[in-house]
mmCIF file of all heavy atoms, coordinates in Angstrom:
data_MODEL
# 
_entry.id   MODEL 
# 
loop_
_atom_site.group_PDB 
_atom_site.id 
_atom_site.type_symbol 
_atom_site.label_atom_id 
_atom_site.label_alt_id 
_atom_site.label_comp_id 
_atom_site.label_asym_id 
_atom_site.label_entity_id 
_atom_site.label_seq_id 
_atom_site.pdbx_PDB_ins_code 
_atom_site.Cartn_x 
_atom_site.Cartn_y 
_atom_site.Cartn_z 
_atom_site.occupancy 
_atom_site.B_iso_or_equiv 
_atom_site.pdbx_formal_charge 
_atom_site.auth_seq_id 
_atom_site.auth_comp_id 
_atom_site.auth_asym_id 
_atom_site.auth_atom_id 
_atom_site.pdbx_PDB_model_num 
ATOM 1   N N   . HIS A 1 1  ? 305.074 148.332 3.065  1.00 0.00 ? 1  HIS A N   1 
ATOM 2   C CA  . HIS A 1 1  ? 306.364 147.752 2.702  1.00 0.00 ? 1  HIS A CA  1 
ATOM 3   C C   . HIS A 1 1  ? 307.152 147.372 3.939  1.00 0.00 ? 1  HIS A C   1 
ATOM 4   O O   . HIS A 1 1  ? 307.789 146.304 3.997  1.00 0.00 ? 1  HIS A O   1 
ATOM 5   C CB  . HIS A 1 1  ? 307.162 148.742 1.848  1.00 0.00 ? 1  HIS A CB  1 
ATOM 6   C CG  . HIS A 1 1  ? 308.431 148.174 1.308  1.00 0.00 ? 1  HIS A CG  1 
ATOM 7   N ND1 . HIS A 1 1  ? 309.635 148.854 1.381  1.00 0.00 ? 1  HIS A ND1 1 
ATOM 8   C CD2 . HIS A 1 1  ? 308.712 147.001 0.693  1.00 0.00 ? 1  HIS A CD2 1 
ATOM 9   C CE1 . HIS A 1 1  ? 310.584 148.104 0.841  1.00 0.00 ? 1  HIS A CE1 1 
ATOM 10  N NE2 . HIS A 1 1  ? 310.056 146.992 0.410  1.00 0.00 ? 1  HIS A NE2 1 
ATOM 11  N N   . ASP A 1 2  ? 307.126 148.205 4.967  1.00 0.00 ? 2  ASP A N   1 
ATOM 12  C CA  . ASP A 1 2  ? 307.811 147.877 6.221  1.00 0.00 ? 2  ASP A CA  1 
ATOM 13  C C   . ASP A 1 2  ? 307.230 146.612 6.845  1.00 0.00 ? 2  ASP A C   1 
ATOM 14  O O   . ASP A 1 2  ? 307.963 145.779 7.395  1.00 0.00 ? 2  ASP A O   1 
ATOM 15  C CB  . ASP A 1 2  ? 307.697 149.044 7.212  1.00 0.00 ? 2  ASP A CB  1 
ATOM 16  C CG  . ASP A 1 2  ? 308.544 150.232 6.824  1.00 0.00 ? 2  ASP A CG  1 
ATOM 17  O OD1 . ASP A 1 2  ? 309.446 150.078 5.967  1.00 0.00 ? 2  ASP A OD1 1 
ATOM 18  O OD2 . ASP A 1 2  ? 308.307 151.335 7.363  1.00 0.00 ? 2  ASP A OD2 1 
ATOM 19  N N   . ILE A 1 3  ? 305.907 146.468 6.778  1.00 0.00 ? 3  ILE A N   1 
ATOM 20  C CA  . ILE A 1 3  ? 305.255 145.272 7.312  1.00 0.00 ? 3  ILE A CA  1 
ATOM 21  C C   . ILE A 1 3  ? 305.692 144.035 6.536  1.00 0.00 ? 3  ILE A C   1 
ATOM 22  O O   . ILE A 1 3  ? 305.967 142.982 7.113  1.00 0.00 ? 3  ILE A O   1 
ATOM 23  C CB  . ILE A 1 3  ? 303.721 145.430 7.282  1.00 0.00 ? 3  ILE A CB  1 
ATOM 24  C CG1 . ILE A 1 3  ? 303.274 146.460 8.328  1.00 0.00 ? 3  ILE A CG1 1 
ATOM 25  C CG2 . ILE A 1 3  ? 303.019 144.093 7.531  1.00 0.00 ? 3  ILE A CG2 1 
ATOM 26  C CD1 . ILE A 1 3  ? 301.805 146.834 8.241  1.00 0.00 ? 3  ILE A CD1 1 
ATOM 27  N N   . VAL A 1 4  ? 305.765 144.160 5.215  1.00 0.00 ? 4  VAL A N   1 
ATOM 28  C CA  . VAL A 1 4  ? 306.199 143.038 4.390  1.00 0.00 ? 4  VAL A CA  1 
ATOM 29  C C   . VAL A 1 4  ? 307.621 142.617 4.769  1.00 0.00 ? 4  VAL A C   1 
ATOM 30  O O   . VAL A 1 4  ? 307.927 141.431 4.882  1.00 0.00 ? 4  VAL A O   1 
ATOM 31  C CB  . VAL A 1 4  ? 306.117 143.399 2.896  1.00 0.00 ? 4  VAL A CB  1 
ATOM 32  C CG1 . VAL A 1 4  ? 306.804 142.345 2.047  1.00 0.00 ? 4  VAL A CG1 1 
ATOM 33  C CG2 . VAL A 1 4  ? 304.668 143.539 2.463  1.00 0.00 ? 4  VAL A CG2 1 
ATOM 34  N N   . ILE A 1 5  ? 308.492 143.584 4.993  1.00 0.00 ? 5  ILE A N   1 
ATOM 35  C CA  . ILE A 1 5  ? 309.878 143.288 5.358  1.00 0.00 ? 5  ILE A CA  1 
ATOM 36  C C   . ILE A 1 5  ? 309.950 142.526 6.677  1.00 0.00 ? 5  ILE A C   1 
ATOM 37  O O   . ILE A 1 5  ? 310.671 141.537 6.799  1.00 0.00 ? 5  ILE A O   1 
ATOM 38  C CB  . ILE A 1 5  ? 310.697 144.590 5.453  1.00 0.00 ? 5  ILE A CB  1 
ATOM 39  C CG1 . ILE A 1 5  ? 310.933 145.164 4.054  1.00 0.00 ? 5  ILE A CG1 1 
ATOM 40  C CG2 . ILE A 1 5  ? 312.036 144.351 6.161  1.00 0.00 ? 5  ILE A CG2 1 
ATOM 41  C CD1 . ILE A 1 5  ? 311.509 146.565 4.064  1.00 0.00 ? 5  ILE A CD1 1 
ATOM 42  N N   . SER A 1 6  ? 309.188 142.960 7.655  1.00 0.00 ? 6  SER A N   1 
ATOM 43  C CA  . SER A 1 6  ? 309.340 142.395 8.996  1.00 0.00 ? 6  SER A CA  1 
ATOM 44  C C   . SER A 1 6  ? 308.346 141.291 9.341  1.00 0.00 ? 6  SER A C   1 
ATOM 45  O O   . SER A 1 6  ? 308.618 140.479 10.235 1.00 0.00 ? 6  SER A O   1 
ATOM 46  C CB  . SER A 1 6  ? 309.215 143.508 10.049 1.00 0.00 ? 6  SER A CB  1 
ATOM 47  O OG  . SER A 1 6  ? 307.954 144.146 9.943  1.00 0.00 ? 6  SER A OG  1 
ATOM 48  N N   . GLU A 1 7  ? 307.199 141.237 8.641  1.00 0.00 ? 7  GLU A N   1 
ATOM 49  C CA  . GLU A 1 7  ? 306.139 140.343 9.082  1.00 0.00 ? 7  GLU A CA  1 
ATOM 50  C C   . GLU A 1 7  ? 305.665 139.328 8.045  1.00 0.00 ? 7  GLU A C   1 
ATOM 51  O O   . GLU A 1 7  ? 304.944 138.396 8.390  1.00 0.00 ? 7  GLU A O   1 
ATOM 52  C CB  . GLU A 1 7  ? 304.910 141.165 9.526  1.00 0.00 ? 7  GLU A CB  1 
ATOM 53  C CG  . GLU A 1 7  ? 305.207 142.341 10.433 1.00 0.00 ? 7  GLU A CG  1 
ATOM 54  C CD  . GLU A 1 7  ? 305.561 141.925 11.856 1.00 0.00 ? 7  GLU A CD  1 
ATOM 55  O OE1 . GLU A 1 7  ? 305.578 140.721 12.151 1.00 0.00 ? 7  GLU A OE1 1 
ATOM 56  O OE2 . GLU A 1 7  ? 305.824 142.813 12.689 1.00 0.00 ? 7  GLU A OE2 1 
ATOM 57  N N   . SER A 1 8  ? 306.019 139.490 6.770  1.00 0.00 ? 8  SER A N   1 
ATOM 58  C CA  . SER A 1 8  ? 305.372 138.679 5.731  1.00 0.00 ? 8  SER A CA  1 
ATOM 59  C C   . SER A 1 8  ? 305.609 137.181 5.903  1.00 0.00 ? 8  SER A C   1 
ATOM 60  O O   . SER A 1 8  ? 304.716 136.369 5.625  1.00 0.00 ? 8  SER A O   1 
ATOM 61  C CB  . SER A 1 8  ? 305.818 139.126 4.340  1.00 0.00 ? 8  SER A CB  1 
ATOM 62  O OG  . SER A 1 8  ? 307.210 138.941 4.158  1.00 0.00 ? 8  SER A OG  1 
ATOM 63  N N   . SER A 1 9  ? 306.784 136.780 6.368  1.00 0.00 ? 9  SER A N   1 
ATOM 64  C CA  . SER A 1 9  ? 307.067 135.350 6.505  1.00 0.00 ? 9  SER A CA  1 
ATOM 65  C C   . SER A 1 9  ? 306.163 134.692 7.547  1.00 0.00 ? 9  SER A C   1 
ATOM 66  O O   . SER A 1 9  ? 305.949 133.475 7.513  1.00 0.00 ? 9  SER A O   1 
ATOM 67  C CB  . SER A 1 9  ? 308.534 135.126 6.875  1.00 0.00 ? 9  SER A CB  1 
ATOM 68  O OG  . SER A 1 9  ? 308.839 135.699 8.120  1.00 0.00 ? 9  SER A OG  1 
ATOM 69  N N   . LYS A 1 10 ? 305.602 135.499 8.446  1.00 0.00 ? 10 LYS A N   1 
ATOM 70  C CA  . LYS A 1 10 ? 304.727 134.941 9.481  1.00 0.00 ? 10 LYS A CA  1 
ATOM 71  C C   . LYS A 1 10 ? 303.396 134.490 8.912  1.00 0.00 ? 10 LYS A C   1 
ATOM 72  O O   . LYS A 1 10 ? 302.628 133.803 9.579  1.00 0.00 ? 10 LYS A O   1 
ATOM 73  C CB  . LYS A 1 10 ? 304.511 135.981 10.579 1.00 0.00 ? 10 LYS A CB  1 
ATOM 74  C CG  . LYS A 1 10 ? 305.798 136.304 11.324 1.00 0.00 ? 10 LYS A CG  1 
ATOM 75  C CD  . LYS A 1 10 ? 305.705 137.552 12.165 1.00 0.00 ? 10 LYS A CD  1 
ATOM 76  C CE  . LYS A 1 10 ? 307.084 137.922 12.712 1.00 0.00 ? 10 LYS A CE  1 
ATOM 77  N NZ  . LYS A 1 10 ? 307.082 139.215 13.411 1.00 0.00 ? 10 LYS A NZ  1 
ATOM 78  N N   . SER A 1 11 ? 303.142 134.872 7.665  1.00 0.00 ? 11 SER A N   1 
ATOM 79  C CA  . SER A 1 11 ? 301.912 134.445 7.014  1.00 0.00 ? 11 SER A CA  1 
ATOM 80  C C   . SER A 1 11 ? 301.993 132.991 6.564  1.00 0.00 ? 11 SER A C   1 
ATOM 81  O O   . SER A 1 11 ? 300.998 132.272 6.599  1.00 0.00 ? 11 SER A O   1 
ATOM 82  C CB  . SER A 1 11 ? 301.619 135.351 5.815  1.00 0.00 ? 11 SER A CB  1 
ATOM 83  O OG  . SER A 1 11 ? 300.480 134.918 5.114  1.00 0.00 ? 11 SER A OG  1 
ATOM 84  N N   . TYR A 1 12 ? 303.195 132.539 6.148  1.00 0.00 ? 12 TYR A N   1 
ATOM 85  C CA  . TYR A 1 12 ? 303.307 131.179 5.610  1.00 0.00 ? 12 TYR A CA  1 
ATOM 86  C C   . TYR A 1 12 ? 304.266 130.276 6.365  1.00 0.00 ? 12 TYR A C   1 
ATOM 87  O O   . TYR A 1 12 ? 304.235 129.057 6.177  1.00 0.00 ? 12 TYR A O   1 
ATOM 88  C CB  . TYR A 1 12 ? 303.698 131.214 4.126  1.00 0.00 ? 12 TYR A CB  1 
ATOM 89  C CG  . TYR A 1 12 ? 304.861 132.106 3.780  1.00 0.00 ? 12 TYR A CG  1 
ATOM 90  C CD1 . TYR A 1 12 ? 306.161 131.686 3.957  1.00 0.00 ? 12 TYR A CD1 1 
ATOM 91  C CD2 . TYR A 1 12 ? 304.648 133.383 3.275  1.00 0.00 ? 12 TYR A CD2 1 
ATOM 92  C CE1 . TYR A 1 12 ? 307.224 132.503 3.641  1.00 0.00 ? 12 TYR A CE1 1 
ATOM 93  C CE2 . TYR A 1 12 ? 305.705 134.213 2.953  1.00 0.00 ? 12 TYR A CE2 1 
ATOM 94  C CZ  . TYR A 1 12 ? 306.986 133.763 3.137  1.00 0.00 ? 12 TYR A CZ  1 
ATOM 95  O OH  . TYR A 1 12 ? 308.049 134.591 2.835  1.00 0.00 ? 12 TYR A OH  1 
ATOM 96  N N   . LEU A 1 13 ? 305.121 130.827 7.222  1.00 0.00 ? 13 LEU A N   1 
ATOM 97  C CA  . LEU A 1 13 ? 305.993 129.977 8.037  1.00 0.00 ? 13 LEU A CA  1 
ATOM 98  C C   . LEU A 1 13 ? 305.250 129.545 9.293  1.00 0.00 ? 13 LEU A C   1 
ATOM 99  O O   . LEU A 1 13 ? 305.598 129.909 10.420 1.00 0.00 ? 13 LEU A O   1 
ATOM 100 C CB  . LEU A 1 13 ? 307.295 130.712 8.387  1.00 0.00 ? 13 LEU A CB  1 
ATOM 101 C CG  . LEU A 1 13 ? 308.249 130.988 7.226  1.00 0.00 ? 13 LEU A CG  1 
ATOM 102 C CD1 . LEU A 1 13 ? 309.509 131.676 7.724  1.00 0.00 ? 13 LEU A CD1 1 
ATOM 103 C CD2 . LEU A 1 13 ? 308.604 129.706 6.474  1.00 0.00 ? 13 LEU A CD2 1 
ATOM 104 N N   . VAL A 1 14 ? 304.199 128.781 9.065  1.00 0.00 ? 14 VAL A N   1 
ATOM 105 C CA  . VAL A 1 14 ? 303.341 128.303 10.154 1.00 0.00 ? 14 VAL A CA  1 
ATOM 106 C C   . VAL A 1 14 ? 303.127 126.803 9.987  1.00 0.00 ? 14 VAL A C   1 
ATOM 107 O O   . VAL A 1 14 ? 303.282 126.247 8.900  1.00 0.00 ? 14 VAL A O   1 
ATOM 108 C CB  . VAL A 1 14 ? 301.978 129.038 10.162 1.00 0.00 ? 14 VAL A CB  1 
ATOM 109 C CG1 . VAL A 1 14 ? 302.156 130.492 10.569 1.00 0.00 ? 14 VAL A CG1 1 
ATOM 110 C CG2 . VAL A 1 14 ? 301.297 128.943 8.799  1.00 0.00 ? 14 VAL A CG2 1 
ATOM 111 N N   . LYS A 1 15 ? 302.757 126.147 11.083 1.00 0.00 ? 15 LYS A N   1 
ATOM 112 C CA  . LYS A 1 15 ? 302.624 124.686 11.093 1.00 0.00 ? 15 LYS A CA  1 
ATOM 113 C C   . LYS A 1 15 ? 301.603 124.180 10.079 1.00 0.00 ? 15 LYS A C   1 
ATOM 114 O O   . LYS A 1 15 ? 301.817 123.167 9.407  1.00 0.00 ? 15 LYS A O   1 
ATOM 115 C CB  . LYS A 1 15 ? 302.227 124.239 12.508 1.00 0.00 ? 15 LYS A CB  1 
ATOM 116 C CG  . LYS A 1 15 ? 302.144 122.736 12.705 1.00 0.00 ? 15 LYS A CG  1 
ATOM 117 C CD  . LYS A 1 15 ? 303.513 122.097 12.706 1.00 0.00 ? 15 LYS A CD  1 
ATOM 118 C CE  . LYS A 1 15 ? 303.425 120.627 13.087 1.00 0.00 ? 15 LYS A CE  1 
ATOM 119 N NZ  . LYS A 1 15 ? 304.744 119.967 13.052 1.00 0.00 ? 15 LYS A NZ  1 
ATOM 120 N N   . ASP A 1 16 ? 300.478 124.887 9.957  1.00 0.00 ? 16 ASP A N   1 
ATOM 121 C CA  . ASP A 1 16 ? 299.393 124.410 9.095  1.00 0.00 ? 16 ASP A CA  1 
ATOM 122 C C   . ASP A 1 16 ? 299.397 125.066 7.717  1.00 0.00 ? 16 ASP A C   1 
ATOM 123 O O   . ASP A 1 16 ? 298.357 125.228 7.091  1.00 0.00 ? 16 ASP A O   1 
ATOM 124 C CB  . ASP A 1 16 ? 298.038 124.622 9.777  1.00 0.00 ? 16 ASP A CB  1 
ATOM 125 C CG  . ASP A 1 16 ? 297.828 126.053 10.237 1.00 0.00 ? 16 ASP A CG  1 
ATOM 126 O OD1 . ASP A 1 16 ? 298.802 126.827 10.208 1.00 0.00 ? 16 ASP A OD1 1 
ATOM 127 O OD2 . ASP A 1 16 ? 296.686 126.398 10.616 1.00 0.00 ? 16 ASP A OD2 1 
ATOM 128 N N   . VAL A 1 17 ? 300.576 125.412 7.222  1.00 0.00 ? 17 VAL A N   1 
ATOM 129 C CA  . VAL A 1 17 ? 300.683 126.094 5.931  1.00 0.00 ? 17 VAL A CA  1 
ATOM 130 C C   . VAL A 1 17 ? 300.094 125.262 4.792  1.00 0.00 ? 17 VAL A C   1 
ATOM 131 O O   . VAL A 1 17 ? 299.483 125.805 3.860  1.00 0.00 ? 17 VAL A O   1 
ATOM 132 C CB  . VAL A 1 17 ? 302.139 126.479 5.620  1.00 0.00 ? 17 VAL A CB  1 
ATOM 133 C CG1 . VAL A 1 17 ? 303.025 125.247 5.494  1.00 0.00 ? 17 VAL A CG1 1 
ATOM 134 C CG2 . VAL A 1 17 ? 302.222 127.321 4.346  1.00 0.00 ? 17 VAL A CG2 1 
ATOM 135 N N   . ASP A 1 18 ? 300.232 123.937 4.854  1.00 0.00 ? 18 ASP A N   1 
ATOM 136 C CA  . ASP A 1 18 ? 299.713 123.101 3.770  1.00 0.00 ? 18 ASP A CA  1 
ATOM 137 C C   . ASP A 1 18 ? 298.193 123.173 3.699  1.00 0.00 ? 18 ASP A C   1 
ATOM 138 O O   . ASP A 1 18 ? 297.613 123.227 2.600  1.00 0.00 ? 18 ASP A O   1 
ATOM 139 C CB  . ASP A 1 18 ? 300.165 121.648 3.952  1.00 0.00 ? 18 ASP A CB  1 
ATOM 140 C CG  . ASP A 1 18 ? 301.667 121.488 3.798  1.00 0.00 ? 18 ASP A CG  1 
ATOM 141 O OD1 . ASP A 1 18 ? 302.247 122.192 2.957  1.00 0.00 ? 18 ASP A OD1 1 
ATOM 142 O OD2 . ASP A 1 18 ? 302.264 120.667 4.520  1.00 0.00 ? 18 ASP A OD2 1 
ATOM 143 N N   . GLU A 1 19 ? 297.544 123.180 4.852  1.00 0.00 ? 19 GLU A N   1 
ATOM 144 C CA  . GLU A 1 19 ? 296.086 123.300 4.870  1.00 0.00 ? 19 GLU A CA  1 
ATOM 145 C C   . GLU A 1 19 ? 295.655 124.685 4.405  1.00 0.00 ? 19 GLU A C   1 
ATOM 146 O O   . GLU A 1 19 ? 294.694 124.832 3.659  1.00 0.00 ? 19 GLU A O   1 
ATOM 147 C CB  . GLU A 1 19 ? 295.551 123.032 6.288  1.00 0.00 ? 19 GLU A CB  1 
ATOM 148 C CG  . GLU A 1 19 ? 295.626 121.571 6.717  1.00 0.00 ? 19 GLU A CG  1 
ATOM 149 C CD  . GLU A 1 19 ? 294.857 120.657 5.777  1.00 0.00 ? 19 GLU A CD  1 
ATOM 150 O OE1 . GLU A 1 19 ? 293.688 120.985 5.449  1.00 0.00 ? 19 GLU A OE1 1 
ATOM 151 O OE2 . GLU A 1 19 ? 295.411 119.628 5.355  1.00 0.00 ? 19 GLU A OE2 1 
ATOM 152 N N   . ILE A 1 20 ? 296.377 125.705 4.845  1.00 0.00 ? 20 ILE A N   1 
ATOM 153 C CA  . ILE A 1 20 ? 296.068 127.076 4.430  1.00 0.00 ? 20 ILE A CA  1 
ATOM 154 C C   . ILE A 1 20 ? 296.244 127.227 2.925  1.00 0.00 ? 20 ILE A C   1 
ATOM 155 O O   . ILE A 1 20 ? 295.430 127.855 2.249  1.00 0.00 ? 20 ILE A O   1 
ATOM 156 C CB  . ILE A 1 20 ? 296.971 128.081 5.179  1.00 0.00 ? 20 ILE A CB  1 
ATOM 157 C CG1 . ILE A 1 20 ? 296.687 128.030 6.683  1.00 0.00 ? 20 ILE A CG1 1 
ATOM 158 C CG2 . ILE A 1 20 ? 296.766 129.503 4.653  1.00 0.00 ? 20 ILE A CG2 1 
ATOM 159 C CD1 . ILE A 1 20 ? 297.671 128.832 7.510  1.00 0.00 ? 20 ILE A CD1 1 
ATOM 160 N N   . ASN A 1 21 ? 297.277 126.613 2.403  1.00 0.00 ? 21 ASN A N   1 
ATOM 161 C CA  . ASN A 1 21 ? 297.588 126.733 0.981  1.00 0.00 ? 21 ASN A CA  1 
ATOM 162 C C   . ASN A 1 21 ? 296.494 126.122 0.104  1.00 0.00 ? 21 ASN A C   1 
ATOM 163 O O   . ASN A 1 21 ? 296.292 126.545 -1.042 1.00 0.00 ? 21 ASN A O   1 
ATOM 164 C CB  . ASN A 1 21 ? 298.936 126.072 0.684  1.00 0.00 ? 21 ASN A CB  1 
ATOM 165 C CG  . ASN A 1 21 ? 299.411 126.300 -0.734 1.00 0.00 ? 21 ASN A CG  1 
ATOM 166 O OD1 . ASN A 1 21 ? 299.381 127.420 -1.239 1.00 0.00 ? 21 ASN A OD1 1 
ATOM 167 N ND2 . ASN A 1 21 ? 299.838 125.233 -1.395 1.00 0.00 ? 21 ASN A ND2 1 
ATOM 168 N N   . LYS A 1 22 ? 295.780 125.114 0.629  1.00 0.00 ? 22 LYS A N   1 
ATOM 169 C CA  . LYS A 1 22 ? 294.703 124.488 -0.136 1.00 0.00 ? 22 LYS A CA  1 
ATOM 170 C C   . LYS A 1 22 ? 293.596 125.492 -0.482 1.00 0.00 ? 22 LYS A C   1 
ATOM 171 O O   . LYS A 1 22 ? 292.857 125.297 -1.448 1.00 0.00 ? 22 LYS A O   1 
ATOM 172 C CB  . LYS A 1 22 ? 294.114 123.311 0.639  1.00 0.00 ? 22 LYS A CB  1 
ATOM 173 C CG  . LYS A 1 22 ? 295.040 122.108 0.731  1.00 0.00 ? 22 LYS A CG  1 
ATOM 174 C CD  . LYS A 1 22 ? 294.428 120.999 1.567  1.00 0.00 ? 22 LYS A CD  1 
ATOM 175 C CE  . LYS A 1 22 ? 295.384 119.813 1.699  1.00 0.00 ? 22 LYS A CE  1 
ATOM 176 N NZ  . LYS A 1 22 ? 294.815 118.741 2.565  1.00 0.00 ? 22 LYS A NZ  1 
ATOM 177 N N   . GLU A 1 23 ? 293.497 126.546 0.317  1.00 0.00 ? 23 GLU A N   1 
ATOM 178 C CA  . GLU A 1 23 ? 292.481 127.573 0.064  1.00 0.00 ? 23 GLU A CA  1 
ATOM 179 C C   . GLU A 1 23 ? 292.993 128.635 -0.908 1.00 0.00 ? 23 GLU A C   1 
ATOM 180 O O   . GLU A 1 23 ? 292.310 129.621 -1.174 1.00 0.00 ? 23 GLU A O   1 
ATOM 181 C CB  . GLU A 1 23 ? 292.063 128.220 1.380  1.00 0.00 ? 23 GLU A CB  1 
ATOM 182 C CG  . GLU A 1 23 ? 291.402 127.230 2.333  1.00 0.00 ? 23 GLU A CG  1 
ATOM 183 C CD  . GLU A 1 23 ? 290.980 127.859 3.646  1.00 0.00 ? 23 GLU A CD  1 
ATOM 184 O OE1 . GLU A 1 23 ? 291.595 128.902 4.034  1.00 0.00 ? 23 GLU A OE1 1 
ATOM 185 O OE2 . GLU A 1 23 ? 290.049 127.343 4.280  1.00 0.00 ? 23 GLU A OE2 1 
ATOM 186 N N   . MET A 1 24 ? 294.213 128.433 -1.411 1.00 0.00 ? 24 MET A N   1 
ATOM 187 C CA  . MET A 1 24 ? 294.812 129.277 -2.450 1.00 0.00 ? 24 MET A CA  1 
ATOM 188 C C   . MET A 1 24 ? 294.982 130.733 -2.016 1.00 0.00 ? 24 MET A C   1 
ATOM 189 O O   . MET A 1 24 ? 294.927 131.655 -2.818 1.00 0.00 ? 24 MET A O   1 
ATOM 190 C CB  . MET A 1 24 ? 293.984 129.222 -3.741 1.00 0.00 ? 24 MET A CB  1 
ATOM 191 C CG  . MET A 1 24 ? 293.930 127.835 -4.365 1.00 0.00 ? 24 MET A CG  1 
ATOM 192 S SD  . MET A 1 24 ? 293.113 127.779 -5.988 1.00 0.00 ? 24 MET A SD  1 
ATOM 193 C CE  . MET A 1 24 ? 291.440 128.207 -5.525 1.00 0.00 ? 24 MET A CE  1 
ATOM 194 N N   . VAL A 1 25 ? 295.205 130.929 -0.732 1.00 0.00 ? 25 VAL A N   1 
ATOM 195 C CA  . VAL A 1 25 ? 295.344 132.302 -0.229 1.00 0.00 ? 25 VAL A CA  1 
ATOM 196 C C   . VAL A 1 25 ? 296.703 132.915 -0.566 1.00 0.00 ? 25 VAL A C   1 
ATOM 197 O O   . VAL A 1 25 ? 296.891 134.124 -0.391 1.00 0.00 ? 25 VAL A O   1 
ATOM 198 C CB  . VAL A 1 25 ? 295.102 132.375 1.301  1.00 0.00 ? 25 VAL A CB  1 
ATOM 199 C CG1 . VAL A 1 25 ? 293.705 131.914 1.638  1.00 0.00 ? 25 VAL A CG1 1 
ATOM 200 C CG2 . VAL A 1 25 ? 296.141 131.557 2.062  1.00 0.00 ? 25 VAL A CG2 1 
# 
């Protein structure tokens, strides 16, 4: 839960999020 609070946005606030999203992750 602490990781989610501090780090979760780093999973999708990235330049290539659209390409990553195509893999339905």
